[in-house]
Amino acid sequence: MLKVRDDDAAAFEQLVRRYQDRLITVLEHLVGNRDQAEDLSQDVFLRVYRARKRYQAGAKFSTWLFTIANNVASNALRSRSRRREVTLQPHDSGPLGPRPLDVMLAASSGQMPARQLDKAEMRDIVQMAVAALGERQRMAVLLSKFEGMCYAEIAEAMELSPQAVKSLLSRARVNLREVLEPYMQHGRKPKK
């Protein structure tokens, strides 16, 4: 980022390549939509570039990046709540279901069909449980588990105290356990 601050275009390109996929994944979990996450990631990198001259190397770059991402996602969610949007859910398009390419790719992976379904079901249930968390809990969980950030880094990215992050993550774990435990112990799917 220091090279980017000094107007090195190749360094900015490398920075985007290094962080783009991780950023899109976090944003997708925050806003619940892959296309919007991709758009928001462009906005985040645009903000990074515009603020490059003000960058201070006091903290890790990823902490600064995810602070910007958190703000951009919060703004997008606030904006979405002010206007009415209709999200179309995929529907069955034939014998292979709503996502025929996913089914065909899984079939070619060599895994047994029952195992593929178990993994897909588990992934969907975990995503549903994470999506059910409040915005701040979700962001804290994503930065902790997917980005491997410590309490201090999460606190800086979310503009909270480390103790507040610890409490936020503790409450998030309780909420996730409440949603996931019936499924893990008895195979009961949570209600959407």
C-alpha atoms as a PDB file:
ATOM      1  CA  MET A   1       0.000   0.000   0.000  1.00  0.00           C
ATOM      2  CA  LEU A   2       2.937   2.314   0.568  1.00  0.00           C
ATOM      3  CA  LYS A   3       3.845   1.929  -3.120  1.00  0.00           C
ATOM      4  CA  VAL A   4       0.212   2.646  -4.038  1.00  0.00           C
ATOM      5  CA  ARG A   5       0.404   5.782  -1.886  1.00  0.00           C
ATOM      6  CA  ASP A   6       3.384   6.800  -4.022  1.00  0.00           C
ATOM      7  CA  ASP A   7       1.269   6.375  -7.212  1.00  0.00           C
ATOM      8  CA  ASP A   8       2.618   2.966  -8.310  1.00  0.00           C
ATOM      9  CA  ALA A   9      -0.164   1.651 -10.595  1.00  0.00           C
ATOM     10  CA  ALA A  10       1.313  -1.870 -10.764  1.00  0.00           C
ATOM     11  CA  ALA A  11       1.272  -2.074  -6.960  1.00  0.00           C
ATOM     12  CA  PHE A  12      -2.415  -1.111  -6.909  1.00  0.00           C
ATOM     13  CA  GLU A  13      -3.182  -3.786  -9.495  1.00  0.00           C
ATOM     14  CA  GLN A  14      -1.331  -6.367  -7.385  1.00  0.00           C
ATOM     15  CA  LEU A  15      -3.183  -5.228  -4.272  1.00  0.00           C
ATOM     16  CA  VAL A  16      -6.552  -5.663  -6.035  1.00  0.00           C
ATOM     17  CA  ARG A  17      -5.602  -9.144  -7.254  1.00  0.00           C
ATOM     18  CA  ARG A  18      -4.464 -10.165  -3.763  1.00  0.00           C
ATOM     19  CA  TYR A  19      -7.563  -9.003  -1.875  1.00  0.00           C
ATOM     20  CA  GLN A  20     -10.441  -8.966  -4.371  1.00  0.00           C
ATOM     21  CA  ASP A  21     -11.723 -12.521  -3.896  1.00  0.00           C
ATOM     22  CA  ARG A  22     -11.565 -12.297  -0.096  1.00  0.00           C
ATOM     23  CA  LEU A  23     -13.276  -8.920  -0.149  1.00  0.00           C
ATOM     24  CA  ILE A  24     -16.074 -10.139  -2.431  1.00  0.00           C
ATOM     25  CA  THR A  25     -16.660 -13.165  -0.178  1.00  0.00           C
ATOM     26  CA  VAL A  26     -16.972 -11.006   2.941  1.00  0.00           C
ATOM     27  CA  LEU A  27     -19.214  -8.488   1.169  1.00  0.00           C
ATOM     28  CA  GLU A  28     -21.395 -11.281  -0.227  1.00  0.00           C
ATOM     29  CA  HIS A  29     -21.960 -12.599   3.281  1.00  0.00           C
ATOM     30  CA  LEU A  30     -22.790  -9.098   4.479  1.00  0.00           C
ATOM     31  CA  VAL A  31     -25.215  -8.075   1.725  1.00  0.00           C
ATOM     32  CA  GLY A  32     -26.437 -11.535   0.680  1.00  0.00           C
ATOM     33  CA  ASN A  33     -25.967 -11.027  -3.050  1.00  0.00           C
ATOM     34  CA  ARG A  34     -22.918 -11.962  -5.162  1.00  0.00           C
ATOM     35  CA  ASP A  35     -23.542  -9.388  -7.903  1.00  0.00           C
ATOM     36  CA  GLN A  36     -23.952  -6.568  -5.403  1.00  0.00           C
ATOM     37  CA  ALA A  37     -20.843  -7.764  -3.529  1.00  0.00           C
ATOM     38  CA  GLU A  38     -18.820  -7.537  -6.745  1.00  0.00           C
ATOM     39  CA  ASP A  39     -20.111  -4.000  -7.354  1.00  0.00           C
ATOM     40  CA  LEU A  40     -19.372  -3.002  -3.772  1.00  0.00           C
ATOM     41  CA  SER A  41     -15.844  -4.416  -3.972  1.00  0.00           C
ATOM     42  CA  GLN A  42     -15.192  -2.059  -6.885  1.00  0.00           C
ATOM     43  CA  ASP A  43     -16.475   0.798  -4.734  1.00  0.00           C
ATOM     44  CA  VAL A  44     -14.167  -0.272  -1.883  1.00  0.00           C
ATOM     45  CA  PHE A  45     -11.109  -0.331  -4.154  1.00  0.00           C
ATOM     46  CA  LEU A  46     -12.090   3.024  -5.644  1.00  0.00           C
ATOM     47  CA  ARG A  47     -12.233   4.459  -2.117  1.00  0.00           C
ATOM     48  CA  VAL A  48      -8.870   2.878  -1.300  1.00  0.00           C
ATOM     49  CA  TYR A  49      -7.343   4.479  -4.368  1.00  0.00           C
ATOM     50  CA  ARG A  50      -8.874   7.883  -3.660  1.00  0.00           C
ATOM     51  CA  ALA A  51      -7.644   7.759  -0.041  1.00  0.00           C
ATOM     52  CA  ARG A  52      -4.179   6.428  -0.909  1.00  0.00           C
ATOM     53  CA  LYS A  53      -2.403   9.706  -0.047  1.00  0.00           C
ATOM     54  CA  ARG A  54      -3.944   9.674   3.457  1.00  0.00           C
ATOM     55  CA  TYR A  55      -3.012   6.043   4.211  1.00  0.00           C
ATOM     56  CA  GLN A  56      -1.048   5.626   7.433  1.00  0.00           C
ATOM     57  CA  ALA A  57       0.932   2.421   7.898  1.00  0.00           C
ATOM     58  CA  GLY A  58       0.000   2.155  11.602  1.00  0.00           C
ATOM     59  CA  ALA A  59      -2.213  -0.911  11.184  1.00  0.00           C
ATOM     60  CA  LYS A  60      -2.336  -3.853   8.811  1.00  0.00           C
ATOM     61  CA  PHE A  61      -3.618  -2.953   5.356  1.00  0.00           C
ATOM     62  CA  SER A  62      -6.305  -5.643   5.553  1.00  0.00           C
ATOM     63  CA  THR A  63      -7.716  -4.012   8.683  1.00  0.00           C
ATOM     64  CA  TRP A  64      -7.989  -0.683   6.880  1.00  0.00           C
ATOM     65  CA  LEU A  65      -9.499  -2.375   3.809  1.00  0.00           C
ATOM     66  CA  PHE A  66     -12.166  -4.202   5.831  1.00  0.00           C
ATOM     67  CA  THR A  67     -12.983  -1.000   7.725  1.00  0.00           C
ATOM     68  CA  ILE A  68     -13.822   0.574   4.380  1.00  0.00           C
ATOM     69  CA  ALA A  69     -15.703  -2.585   3.308  1.00  0.00           C
ATOM     70  CA  ASN A  70     -17.758  -2.552   6.509  1.00  0.00           C
ATOM     71  CA  ASN A  71     -18.749   1.067   5.905  1.00  0.00           C
ATOM     72  CA  VAL A  72     -19.605   0.451   2.242  1.00  0.00           C
ATOM     73  CA  ALA A  73     -21.704  -2.626   3.115  1.00  0.00           C
ATOM     74  CA  SER A  74     -23.511  -0.749   5.904  1.00  0.00           C
ATOM     75  CA  ASN A  75     -24.315   2.094   3.508  1.00  0.00           C
ATOM     76  CA  ALA A  76     -25.586  -0.361   0.888  1.00  0.00           C
ATOM     77  CA  LEU A  77     -27.801  -2.160   3.422  1.00  0.00           C
ATOM     78  CA  ARG A  78     -29.188   1.152   4.686  1.00  0.00           C
ATOM     79  CA  SER A  79     -29.881   2.252   1.131  1.00  0.00           C
ATOM     80  CA  ARG A  80     -31.547  -1.088   0.339  1.00  0.00           C
ATOM     81  CA  SER A  81     -33.813  -0.815   3.382  1.00  0.00           C
ATOM     82  CA  ARG A  82     -35.061   2.576   2.147  1.00  0.00           C
ATOM     83  CA  ARG A  83     -36.189   1.239  -1.204  1.00  0.00           C
ATOM     84  CA  ARG A  84     -38.192  -1.812  -2.003  1.00  0.00           C
ATOM     85  CA  GLU A  85     -36.359  -4.573  -3.843  1.00  0.00           C
ATOM     86  CA  VAL A  86     -37.692  -7.878  -5.007  1.00  0.00           C
ATOM     87  CA  THR A  87     -35.263 -10.781  -5.069  1.00  0.00           C
ATOM     88  CA  LEU A  88     -36.203 -13.641  -7.323  1.00  0.00           C
ATOM     89  CA  GLN A  89     -35.457 -17.057  -5.944  1.00  0.00           C
ATOM     90  CA  PRO A  90     -34.215 -19.728  -8.342  1.00  0.00           C
ATOM     91  CA  HIS A  91     -36.882 -22.232  -9.285  1.00  0.00           C
ATOM     92  CA  ASP A  92     -36.729 -25.699 -10.721  1.00  0.00           C
ATOM     93  CA  SER A  93     -35.819 -25.591 -14.365  1.00  0.00           C
ATOM     94  CA  GLY A  94     -36.129 -29.259 -15.033  1.00  0.00           C
ATOM     95  CA  PRO A  95     -35.087 -32.595 -13.579  1.00  0.00           C
ATOM     96  CA  LEU A  96     -31.756 -31.224 -12.315  1.00  0.00           C
ATOM     97  CA  GLY A  97     -33.343 -28.512 -10.157  1.00  0.00           C
ATOM     98  CA  PRO A  98     -32.666 -24.780  -9.853  1.00  0.00           C
ATOM     99  CA  ARG A  99     -28.927 -24.959 -10.543  1.00  0.00           C
ATOM    100  CA  PRO A 100     -28.299 -27.590 -13.192  1.00  0.00           C
ATOM    101  CA  LEU A 101     -24.635 -26.598 -13.660  1.00  0.00           C
ATOM    102  CA  ASP A 102     -23.923 -27.145  -9.964  1.00  0.00           C
ATOM    103  CA  VAL A 103     -25.480 -30.613 -10.178  1.00  0.00           C
ATOM    104  CA  MET A 104     -23.474 -31.507 -13.282  1.00  0.00           C
ATOM    105  CA  LEU A 105     -20.207 -30.207 -11.767  1.00  0.00           C
ATOM    106  CA  ALA A 106     -20.797 -32.170  -8.587  1.00  0.00           C
ATOM    107  CA  ALA A 107     -21.536 -35.295 -10.599  1.00  0.00           C
ATOM    108  CA  SER A 108     -18.233 -34.947 -12.423  1.00  0.00           C
ATOM    109  CA  SER A 109     -16.312 -34.482  -9.161  1.00  0.00           C
ATOM    110  CA  GLY A 110     -16.459 -38.199  -8.392  1.00  0.00           C
ATOM    111  CA  GLN A 111     -18.168 -37.778  -5.014  1.00  0.00           C
ATOM    112  CA  MET A 112     -21.109 -39.960  -4.191  1.00  0.00           C
ATOM    113  CA  PRO A 113     -24.434 -38.141  -4.729  1.00  0.00           C
ATOM    114  CA  ALA A 114     -25.543 -38.515  -1.095  1.00  0.00           C
ATOM    115  CA  ARG A 115     -22.271 -37.001   0.131  1.00  0.00           C
ATOM    116  CA  GLN A 116     -22.610 -34.125  -2.347  1.00  0.00           C
ATOM    117  CA  LEU A 117     -26.102 -33.399  -1.051  1.00  0.00           C
ATOM    118  CA  ASP A 118     -24.945 -33.579   2.580  1.00  0.00           C
ATOM    119  CA  LYS A 119     -22.167 -31.065   1.916  1.00  0.00           C
ATOM    120  CA  ALA A 120     -24.445 -28.753  -0.049  1.00  0.00           C
ATOM    121  CA  GLU A 121     -27.135 -28.940   2.629  1.00  0.00           C
ATOM    122  CA  MET A 122     -24.634 -28.224   5.409  1.00  0.00           C
ATOM    123  CA  ARG A 123     -23.178 -25.292   3.477  1.00  0.00           C
ATOM    124  CA  ASP A 124     -26.657 -23.861   2.902  1.00  0.00           C
ATOM    125  CA  ILE A 125     -27.620 -24.226   6.564  1.00  0.00           C
ATOM    126  CA  VAL A 126     -24.415 -22.588   7.795  1.00  0.00           C
ATOM    127  CA  GLN A 127     -24.887 -19.739   5.289  1.00  0.00           C
ATOM    128  CA  MET A 128     -28.487 -19.337   6.478  1.00  0.00           C
ATOM    129  CA  ALA A 129     -27.350 -19.262  10.111  1.00  0.00           C
ATOM    130  CA  VAL A 130     -24.666 -16.648   9.404  1.00  0.00           C
ATOM    131  CA  ALA A 131     -27.129 -14.587   7.341  1.00  0.00           C
ATOM    132  CA  ALA A 132     -29.573 -14.643  10.276  1.00  0.00           C
ATOM    133  CA  LEU A 133     -27.045 -12.851  12.491  1.00  0.00           C
ATOM    134  CA  GLY A 134     -27.279  -9.112  12.912  1.00  0.00           C
ATOM    135  CA  GLU A 135     -25.090  -7.002  10.662  1.00  0.00           C
ATOM    136  CA  ARG A 136     -22.408  -6.322  13.296  1.00  0.00           C
ATOM    137  CA  GLN A 137     -22.274  -9.932  14.526  1.00  0.00           C
ATOM    138  CA  ARG A 138     -22.032 -11.189  10.943  1.00  0.00           C
ATOM    139  CA  MET A 139     -19.160  -8.821  10.127  1.00  0.00           C
ATOM    140  CA  ALA A 140     -17.286  -9.797  13.308  1.00  0.00           C
ATOM    141  CA  VAL A 141     -17.700 -13.527  12.544  1.00  0.00           C
ATOM    142  CA  LEU A 142     -16.573 -13.086   8.934  1.00  0.00           C
ATOM    143  CA  LEU A 143     -13.478 -11.126   9.898  1.00  0.00           C
ATOM    144  CA  SER A 144     -12.646 -13.583  12.671  1.00  0.00           C
ATOM    145  CA  LYS A 145     -13.254 -16.886  10.906  1.00  0.00           C
ATOM    146  CA  PHE A 146     -12.679 -16.098   7.233  1.00  0.00           C
ATOM    147  CA  GLU A 147     -10.016 -13.414   7.520  1.00  0.00           C
ATOM    148  CA  GLY A 148      -8.320 -14.735  10.659  1.00  0.00           C
ATOM    149  CA  MET A 149      -8.258 -11.321  12.309  1.00  0.00           C
ATOM    150  CA  CYS A 150      -7.656 -10.971  16.045  1.00  0.00           C
ATOM    151  CA  TYR A 151      -9.957  -9.005  18.377  1.00  0.00           C
ATOM    152  CA  ALA A 152      -7.822  -5.862  18.105  1.00  0.00           C
ATOM    153  CA  GLU A 153      -7.841  -5.928  14.294  1.00  0.00           C
ATOM    154  CA  ILE A 154     -11.600  -6.555  14.159  1.00  0.00           C
ATOM    155  CA  ALA A 155     -12.117  -3.769  16.696  1.00  0.00           C
ATOM    156  CA  GLU A 156     -10.161  -1.365  14.525  1.00  0.00           C
ATOM    157  CA  ALA A 157     -11.986  -2.418  11.338  1.00  0.00           C
ATOM    158  CA  MET A 158     -15.401  -2.094  12.989  1.00  0.00           C
ATOM    159  CA  GLU A 159     -14.495   0.961  15.072  1.00  0.00           C
ATOM    160  CA  LEU A 160     -15.254  -0.813  18.355  1.00  0.00           C
ATOM    161  CA  SER A 161     -13.250  -1.724  21.438  1.00  0.00           C
ATOM    162  CA  PRO A 162     -11.618  -5.189  21.587  1.00  0.00           C
ATOM    163  CA  GLN A 163     -13.897  -6.003  24.557  1.00  0.00           C
ATOM    164  CA  ALA A 164     -16.976  -5.075  22.475  1.00  0.00           C
ATOM    165  CA  VAL A 165     -15.744  -7.377  19.689  1.00  0.00           C
ATOM    166  CA  LYS A 166     -15.214 -10.200  22.171  1.00  0.00           C
ATOM    167  CA  SER A 167     -18.768  -9.726  23.438  1.00  0.00           C
ATOM    168  CA  LEU A 168     -20.140  -9.473  19.882  1.00  0.00           C
ATOM    169  CA  LEU A 169     -18.455 -12.725  18.870  1.00  0.00           C
ATOM    170  CA  SER A 170     -19.643 -14.452  22.023  1.00  0.00           C
ATOM    171  CA  ARG A 171     -23.262 -13.476  21.307  1.00  0.00           C
ATOM    172  CA  ALA A 172     -22.825 -14.498  17.661  1.00  0.00           C
ATOM    173  CA  ARG A 173     -21.600 -17.967  18.730  1.00  0.00           C
ATOM    174  CA  VAL A 174     -24.637 -18.370  20.996  1.00  0.00           C
ATOM    175  CA  ASN A 175     -26.959 -17.346  18.148  1.00  0.00           C
ATOM    176  CA  LEU A 176     -25.247 -19.686  15.687  1.00  0.00           C
ATOM    177  CA  ARG A 177     -25.401 -22.555  18.181  1.00  0.00           C
ATOM    178  CA  GLU A 178     -29.159 -22.016  18.647  1.00  0.00           C
ATOM    179  CA  VAL A 179     -29.727 -22.242  14.906  1.00  0.00           C
ATOM    180  CA  LEU A 180     -27.279 -25.050  14.120  1.00  0.00           C
ATOM    181  CA  GLU A 181     -27.627 -27.369  17.121  1.00  0.00           C
ATOM    182  CA  PRO A 182     -31.069 -28.820  16.199  1.00  0.00           C
ATOM    183  CA  TYR A 183     -29.738 -29.616  12.742  1.00  0.00           C
ATOM    184  CA  MET A 184     -26.477 -31.128  13.991  1.00  0.00           C
ATOM    185  CA  GLN A 185     -28.114 -33.256  16.678  1.00  0.00           C
ATOM    186  CA  HIS A 186     -31.464 -34.196  15.152  1.00  0.00           C
ATOM    187  CA  GLY A 187     -31.208 -33.327  11.452  1.00  0.00           C
ATOM    188  CA  ARG A 188     -33.949 -30.689  11.765  1.00  0.00           C
ATOM    189  CA  LYS A 189     -33.475 -27.866   9.307  1.00  0.00           C
ATOM    190  CA  PRO A 190     -33.866 -24.356  10.744  1.00  0.00           C
ATOM    191  CA  LYS A 191     -36.795 -22.254   9.638  1.00  0.00           C
ATOM    192  CA  LYS A 192     -35.890 -19.526   7.173  1.00  0.00           C
END
